[in-house]
Amino acid sequence: MEVADNFAAIHGSSNKTKISGKPKVKKIDAFKALAKHLVSNTKNEALRKVGLTGRNMQQRWRTYMRRFKKP
């Protein structure tokens, strides 16, 4: 009853099910990217000299959210 070409198109030709989608991004990697973007686009020379890391950016974000986020 199955057409081999249709079955292969839907399920693939191997025994394993294919999973598509982008790879997961870790939270610390996102903060590293945010720090890199901030340092590269800021006009504040003092901020460029600080040497922001992903961990520093995460701590700054957490402090900001605690201080200014409405409950």
PDB file of N, CA and C in Angstrom:
ATOM      1  N   MET A   1       0.817  -1.187   0.000  1.00  0.00           N
ATOM      2  CA  MET A   1       0.000   0.000   0.000  1.00  0.00           C
ATOM      3  C   MET A   1       0.865   1.257   0.000  1.00  0.00           C
ATOM      4  N   GLU A   2       2.067   1.152   0.511  1.00  0.00           N
ATOM      5  CA  GLU A   2       2.930   2.328   0.560  1.00  0.00           C
ATOM      6  C   GLU A   2       3.682   2.496  -0.749  1.00  0.00           C
ATOM      7  N   VAL A   3       3.849   3.748  -1.131  1.00  0.00           N
ATOM      8  CA  VAL A   3       4.683   4.068  -2.285  1.00  0.00           C
ATOM      9  C   VAL A   3       6.064   4.393  -1.727  1.00  0.00           C
ATOM     10  N   ALA A   4       7.059   3.693  -2.177  1.00  0.00           N
ATOM     11  CA  ALA A   4       8.406   3.816  -1.605  1.00  0.00           C
ATOM     12  C   ALA A   4       8.953   5.242  -1.706  1.00  0.00           C
ATOM     13  N   ASP A   5       8.689   5.912  -2.807  1.00  0.00           N
ATOM     14  CA  ASP A   5       9.189   7.282  -2.976  1.00  0.00           C
ATOM     15  C   ASP A   5       8.536   8.241  -1.987  1.00  0.00           C
ATOM     16  N   ASN A   6       7.236   8.092  -1.780  1.00  0.00           N
ATOM     17  CA  ASN A   6       6.532   8.956  -0.828  1.00  0.00           C
ATOM     18  C   ASN A   6       6.994   8.690   0.604  1.00  0.00           C
ATOM     19  N   PHE A   7       7.167   7.424   0.942  1.00  0.00           N
ATOM     20  CA  PHE A   7       7.622   7.067   2.283  1.00  0.00           C
ATOM     21  C   PHE A   7       9.010   7.650   2.555  1.00  0.00           C
ATOM     22  N   ALA A   8       9.907   7.551   1.566  1.00  0.00           N
ATOM     23  CA  ALA A   8      11.261   8.090   1.725  1.00  0.00           C
ATOM     24  C   ALA A   8      11.240   9.611   1.827  1.00  0.00           C
ATOM     25  N   ALA A   9      10.315  10.263   1.113  1.00  0.00           N
ATOM     26  CA  ALA A   9      10.230  11.722   1.168  1.00  0.00           C
ATOM     27  C   ALA A   9       9.759  12.200   2.536  1.00  0.00           C
ATOM     28  N   ILE A  10       8.854  11.463   3.142  1.00  0.00           N
ATOM     29  CA  ILE A  10       8.314  11.863   4.445  1.00  0.00           C
ATOM     30  C   ILE A  10       9.250  11.485   5.583  1.00  0.00           C
ATOM     31  N   HIS A  11       9.720  10.255   5.587  1.00  0.00           N
ATOM     32  CA  HIS A  11      10.486   9.734   6.721  1.00  0.00           C
ATOM     33  C   HIS A  11      11.987   9.711   6.507  1.00  0.00           C
ATOM     34  N   GLY A  12      12.446  10.020   5.317  1.00  0.00           N
ATOM     35  CA  GLY A  12      13.872   9.948   5.038  1.00  0.00           C
ATOM     36  C   GLY A  12      14.260   8.538   4.651  1.00  0.00           C
ATOM     37  N   SER A  13      15.465   8.394   4.181  1.00  0.00           N
ATOM     38  CA  SER A  13      15.890   7.085   3.701  1.00  0.00           C
ATOM     39  C   SER A  13      16.598   6.266   4.775  1.00  0.00           C
ATOM     40  N   SER A  14      16.982   6.893   5.885  1.00  0.00           N
ATOM     41  CA  SER A  14      17.665   6.141   6.936  1.00  0.00           C
ATOM     42  C   SER A  14      16.656   5.670   7.979  1.00  0.00           C
ATOM     43  N   ASN A  15      17.123   4.861   8.902  1.00  0.00           N
ATOM     44  CA  ASN A  15      16.245   4.334   9.946  1.00  0.00           C
ATOM     45  C   ASN A  15      15.942   5.358  11.022  1.00  0.00           C
ATOM     46  N   LYS A  16      16.818   6.344  11.178  1.00  0.00           N
ATOM     47  CA  LYS A  16      16.636   7.346  12.225  1.00  0.00           C
ATOM     48  C   LYS A  16      15.720   8.465  11.744  1.00  0.00           C
ATOM     49  N   THR A  17      14.916   8.977  12.655  1.00  0.00           N
ATOM     50  CA  THR A  17      14.058  10.105  12.339  1.00  0.00           C
ATOM     51  C   THR A  17      14.898  11.368  12.321  1.00  0.00           C
ATOM     52  N   LYS A  18      14.743  12.163  11.285  1.00  0.00           N
ATOM     53  CA  LYS A  18      15.507  13.396  11.184  1.00  0.00           C
ATOM     54  C   LYS A  18      14.848  14.466  12.036  1.00  0.00           C
ATOM     55  N   ILE A  19      15.655  15.192  12.742  1.00  0.00           N
ATOM     56  CA  ILE A  19      15.173  16.287  13.568  1.00  0.00           C
ATOM     57  C   ILE A  19      15.763  17.560  12.995  1.00  0.00           C
ATOM     58  N   SER A  20      14.895  18.475  12.653  1.00  0.00           N
ATOM     59  CA  SER A  20      15.386  19.713  12.061  1.00  0.00           C
ATOM     60  C   SER A  20      15.285  20.842  13.068  1.00  0.00           C
ATOM     61  N   GLY A  21      15.866  21.942  12.730  1.00  0.00           N
ATOM     62  CA  GLY A  21      15.822  23.106  13.598  1.00  0.00           C
ATOM     63  C   GLY A  21      17.221  23.585  13.913  1.00  0.00           C
ATOM     64  N   LYS A  22      17.263  24.757  14.478  1.00  0.00           N
ATOM     65  CA  LYS A  22      18.540  25.354  14.833  1.00  0.00           C
ATOM     66  C   LYS A  22      19.069  24.729  16.118  1.00  0.00           C
ATOM     67  N   PRO A  23      20.384  24.698  16.275  1.00  0.00           N
ATOM     68  CA  PRO A  23      20.934  24.186  17.534  1.00  0.00           C
ATOM     69  C   PRO A  23      20.598  25.127  18.686  1.00  0.00           C
ATOM     70  N   LYS A  24      20.494  24.567  19.858  1.00  0.00           N
ATOM     71  CA  LYS A  24      20.148  25.353  21.040  1.00  0.00           C
ATOM     72  C   LYS A  24      21.293  26.289  21.403  1.00  0.00           C
ATOM     73  N   VAL A  25      20.932  27.470  21.879  1.00  0.00           N
ATOM     74  CA  VAL A  25      21.917  28.453  22.319  1.00  0.00           C
ATOM     75  C   VAL A  25      21.895  28.474  23.840  1.00  0.00           C
ATOM     76  N   LYS A  26      23.053  28.275  24.450  1.00  0.00           N
ATOM     77  CA  LYS A  26      23.132  28.320  25.909  1.00  0.00           C
ATOM     78  C   LYS A  26      23.001  29.758  26.378  1.00  0.00           C
ATOM     79  N   LYS A  27      22.514  29.913  27.594  1.00  0.00           N
ATOM     80  CA  LYS A  27      22.283  31.243  28.138  1.00  0.00           C
ATOM     81  C   LYS A  27      23.586  32.031  28.225  1.00  0.00           C
ATOM     82  N   ILE A  28      24.665  31.397  28.662  1.00  0.00           N
ATOM     83  CA  ILE A  28      25.936  32.100  28.818  1.00  0.00           C
ATOM     84  C   ILE A  28      26.478  32.528  27.452  1.00  0.00           C
ATOM     85  N   ASP A  29      26.224  31.722  26.411  1.00  0.00           N
ATOM     86  CA  ASP A  29      26.655  32.099  25.061  1.00  0.00           C
ATOM     87  C   ASP A  29      25.897  33.323  24.562  1.00  0.00           C
ATOM     88  N   ALA A  30      24.627  33.420  24.923  1.00  0.00           N
ATOM     89  CA  ALA A  30      23.840  34.598  24.548  1.00  0.00           C
ATOM     90  C   ALA A  30      24.373  35.843  25.250  1.00  0.00           C
ATOM     91  N   PHE A  31      24.742  35.710  26.524  1.00  0.00           N
ATOM     92  CA  PHE A  31      25.300  36.855  27.244  1.00  0.00           C
ATOM     93  C   PHE A  31      26.676  37.234  26.700  1.00  0.00           C
ATOM     94  N   LYS A  32      27.462  36.256  26.265  1.00  0.00           N
ATOM     95  CA  LYS A  32      28.756  36.556  25.638  1.00  0.00           C
ATOM     96  C   LYS A  32      28.551  37.347  24.352  1.00  0.00           C
ATOM     97  N   ALA A  33      27.566  36.941  23.561  1.00  0.00           N
ATOM     98  CA  ALA A  33      27.269  37.660  22.319  1.00  0.00           C
ATOM     99  C   ALA A  33      26.776  39.070  22.614  1.00  0.00           C
ATOM    100  N   LEU A  34      25.966  39.219  23.662  1.00  0.00           N
ATOM    101  CA  LEU A  34      25.467  40.539  24.049  1.00  0.00           C
ATOM    102  C   LEU A  34      26.613  41.442  24.492  1.00  0.00           C
ATOM    103  N   ALA A  35      27.547  40.901  25.275  1.00  0.00           N
ATOM    104  CA  ALA A  35      28.697  41.680  25.730  1.00  0.00           C
ATOM    105  C   ALA A  35      29.574  42.089  24.545  1.00  0.00           C
ATOM    106  N   LYS A  36      29.794  41.178  23.631  1.00  0.00           N
ATOM    107  CA  LYS A  36      30.608  41.476  22.447  1.00  0.00           C
ATOM    108  C   LYS A  36      29.953  42.575  21.610  1.00  0.00           C
ATOM    109  N   HIS A  37      28.647  42.483  21.433  1.00  0.00           N
ATOM    110  CA  HIS A  37      27.911  43.490  20.662  1.00  0.00           C
ATOM    111  C   HIS A  37      27.961  44.852  21.351  1.00  0.00           C
ATOM    112  N   LEU A  38      27.787  44.845  22.662  1.00  0.00           N
ATOM    113  CA  LEU A  38      27.798  46.095  23.417  1.00  0.00           C
ATOM    114  C   LEU A  38      29.159  46.781  23.329  1.00  0.00           C
ATOM    115  N   VAL A  39      30.220  46.020  23.501  1.00  0.00           N
ATOM    116  CA  VAL A  39      31.573  46.590  23.452  1.00  0.00           C
ATOM    117  C   VAL A  39      31.893  47.106  22.051  1.00  0.00           C
ATOM    118  N   SER A  40      31.457  46.387  21.035  1.00  0.00           N
ATOM    119  CA  SER A  40      31.789  46.810  19.670  1.00  0.00           C
ATOM    120  C   SER A  40      30.983  48.015  19.209  1.00  0.00           C
ATOM    121  N   ASN A  41      29.818  48.255  19.791  1.00  0.00           N
ATOM    122  CA  ASN A  41      28.962  49.348  19.322  1.00  0.00           C
ATOM    123  C   ASN A  41      28.868  50.530  20.272  1.00  0.00           C
ATOM    124  N   THR A  42      29.541  50.480  21.402  1.00  0.00           N
ATOM    125  CA  THR A  42      29.440  51.585  22.352  1.00  0.00           C
ATOM    126  C   THR A  42      30.395  52.716  21.980  1.00  0.00           C
ATOM    127  N   LYS A  43      30.014  53.917  22.365  1.00  0.00           N
ATOM    128  CA  LYS A  43      30.888  55.076  22.184  1.00  0.00           C
ATOM    129  C   LYS A  43      31.629  55.396  23.476  1.00  0.00           C
ATOM    130  N   ASN A  44      31.306  54.682  24.539  1.00  0.00           N
ATOM    131  CA  ASN A  44      31.892  54.893  25.852  1.00  0.00           C
ATOM    132  C   ASN A  44      33.233  54.154  25.923  1.00  0.00           C
ATOM    133  N   GLU A  45      34.319  54.897  25.926  1.00  0.00           N
ATOM    134  CA  GLU A  45      35.656  54.284  25.948  1.00  0.00           C
ATOM    135  C   GLU A  45      35.916  53.530  27.252  1.00  0.00           C
ATOM    136  N   ALA A  46      35.372  54.026  28.357  1.00  0.00           N
ATOM    137  CA  ALA A  46      35.578  53.357  29.645  1.00  0.00           C
ATOM    138  C   ALA A  46      34.965  51.961  29.630  1.00  0.00           C
ATOM    139  N   LEU A  47      33.831  51.820  28.966  1.00  0.00           N
ATOM    140  CA  LEU A  47      33.171  50.520  28.889  1.00  0.00           C
ATOM    141  C   LEU A  47      33.975  49.549  28.031  1.00  0.00           C
ATOM    142  N   ARG A  48      34.644  50.070  27.023  1.00  0.00           N
ATOM    143  CA  ARG A  48      35.474  49.206  26.182  1.00  0.00           C
ATOM    144  C   ARG A  48      36.684  48.684  26.944  1.00  0.00           C
ATOM    145  N   LYS A  49      37.208  49.493  27.855  1.00  0.00           N
ATOM    146  CA  LYS A  49      38.402  49.103  28.606  1.00  0.00           C
ATOM    147  C   LYS A  49      38.097  48.125  29.731  1.00  0.00           C
ATOM    148  N   VAL A  50      36.846  48.067  30.162  1.00  0.00           N
ATOM    149  CA  VAL A  50      36.466  47.196  31.279  1.00  0.00           C
ATOM    150  C   VAL A  50      36.686  45.728  30.934  1.00  0.00           C
ATOM    151  N   GLY A  51      36.448  45.369  29.686  1.00  0.00           N
ATOM    152  CA  GLY A  51      36.610  43.978  29.284  1.00  0.00           C
ATOM    153  C   GLY A  51      35.441  43.125  29.739  1.00  0.00           C
ATOM    154  N   LEU A  52      34.259  43.466  29.274  1.00  0.00           N
ATOM    155  CA  LEU A  52      33.061  42.723  29.662  1.00  0.00           C
ATOM    156  C   LEU A  52      33.142  41.274  29.205  1.00  0.00           C
ATOM    157  N   THR A  53      32.750  40.381  30.081  1.00  0.00           N
ATOM    158  CA  THR A  53      32.643  38.967  29.742  1.00  0.00           C
ATOM    159  C   THR A  53      31.169  38.586  29.765  1.00  0.00           C
ATOM    160  N   GLY A  54      30.889  37.378  29.370  1.00  0.00           N
ATOM    161  CA  GLY A  54      29.512  36.904  29.410  1.00  0.00           C
ATOM    162  C   GLY A  54      28.976  36.865  30.825  1.00  0.00           C
ATOM    163  N   ARG A  55      29.821  36.463  31.752  1.00  0.00           N
ATOM    164  CA  ARG A  55      29.407  36.386  33.159  1.00  0.00           C
ATOM    165  C   ARG A  55      29.121  37.782  33.714  1.00  0.00           C
ATOM    166  N   ASN A  56      29.981  38.761  33.403  1.00  0.00           N
ATOM    167  CA  ASN A  56      29.736  40.137  33.840  1.00  0.00           C
ATOM    168  C   ASN A  56      28.418  40.663  33.291  1.00  0.00           C
ATOM    169  N   MET A  57      28.171  40.372  32.020  1.00  0.00           N
ATOM    170  CA  MET A  57      26.939  40.839  31.384  1.00  0.00           C
ATOM    171  C   MET A  57      25.725  40.211  32.051  1.00  0.00           C
ATOM    172  N   GLN A  58      25.830  38.938  32.409  1.00  0.00           N
ATOM    173  CA  GLN A  58      24.730  38.246  33.080  1.00  0.00           C
ATOM    174  C   GLN A  58      24.466  38.864  34.448  1.00  0.00           C
ATOM    175  N   GLN A  59      25.522  39.181  35.181  1.00  0.00           N
ATOM    176  CA  GLN A  59      25.359  39.804  36.492  1.00  0.00           C
ATOM    177  C   GLN A  59      24.754  41.192  36.366  1.00  0.00           C
ATOM    178  N   ARG A  60      25.190  41.962  35.373  1.00  0.00           N
ATOM    179  CA  ARG A  60      24.627  43.301  35.160  1.00  0.00           C
ATOM    180  C   ARG A  60      23.146  43.211  34.807  1.00  0.00           C
ATOM    181  N   TRP A  61      22.805  42.261  33.954  1.00  0.00           N
ATOM    182  CA  TRP A  61      21.411  42.090  33.551  1.00  0.00           C
ATOM    183  C   TRP A  61      20.544  41.711  34.750  1.00  0.00           C
ATOM    184  N   ARG A  62      21.034  40.783  35.552  1.00  0.00           N
ATOM    185  CA  ARG A  62      20.278  40.343  36.728  1.00  0.00           C
ATOM    186  C   ARG A  62      20.078  41.501  37.705  1.00  0.00           C
ATOM    187  N   THR A  63      21.112  42.301  37.932  1.00  0.00           N
ATOM    188  CA  THR A  63      21.011  43.459  38.824  1.00  0.00           C
ATOM    189  C   THR A  63      20.007  44.463  38.286  1.00  0.00           C
ATOM    190  N   TYR A  64      20.067  44.727  36.995  1.00  0.00           N
ATOM    191  CA  TYR A  64      19.134  45.664  36.376  1.00  0.00           C
ATOM    192  C   TYR A  64      17.696  45.177  36.532  1.00  0.00           C
ATOM    193  N   MET A  65      17.474  43.902  36.276  1.00  0.00           N
ATOM    194  CA  MET A  65      16.117  43.359  36.363  1.00  0.00           C
ATOM    195  C   MET A  65      15.596  43.396  37.798  1.00  0.00           C
ATOM    196  N   ARG A  66      16.447  43.115  38.762  1.00  0.00           N
ATOM    197  CA  ARG A  66      16.024  43.182  40.166  1.00  0.00           C
ATOM    198  C   ARG A  66      15.674  44.604  40.575  1.00  0.00           C
ATOM    199  N   ARG A  67      16.443  45.547  40.086  1.00  0.00           N
ATOM    200  CA  ARG A  67      16.294  46.926  40.516  1.00  0.00           C
ATOM    201  C   ARG A  67      15.118  47.630  39.842  1.00  0.00           C
ATOM    202  N   PHE A  68      14.904  47.381  38.564  1.00  0.00           N
ATOM    203  CA  PHE A  68      13.953  48.180  37.805  1.00  0.00           C
ATOM    204  C   PHE A  68      12.726  47.432  37.300  1.00  0.00           C
ATOM    205  N   LYS A  69      12.694  46.131  37.444  1.00  0.00           N
ATOM    206  CA  LYS A  69      11.545  45.369  36.964  1.00  0.00           C
ATOM    207  C   LYS A  69      10.361  45.567  37.897  1.00  0.00           C
ATOM    208  N   LYS A  70       9.214  45.809  37.313  1.00  0.00           N
ATOM    209  CA  LYS A  70       8.011  45.978  38.127  1.00  0.00           C
ATOM    210  C   LYS A  70       7.488  44.605  38.534  1.00  0.00           C
ATOM    211  N   PRO A  71       7.071  44.458  39.790  1.00  0.00           N
ATOM    212  CA  PRO A  71       6.578  43.140  40.247  1.00  0.00           C
ATOM    213  C   PRO A  71       5.247  42.758  39.663  1.00  0.00           C
TER     214      PRO A  71
END
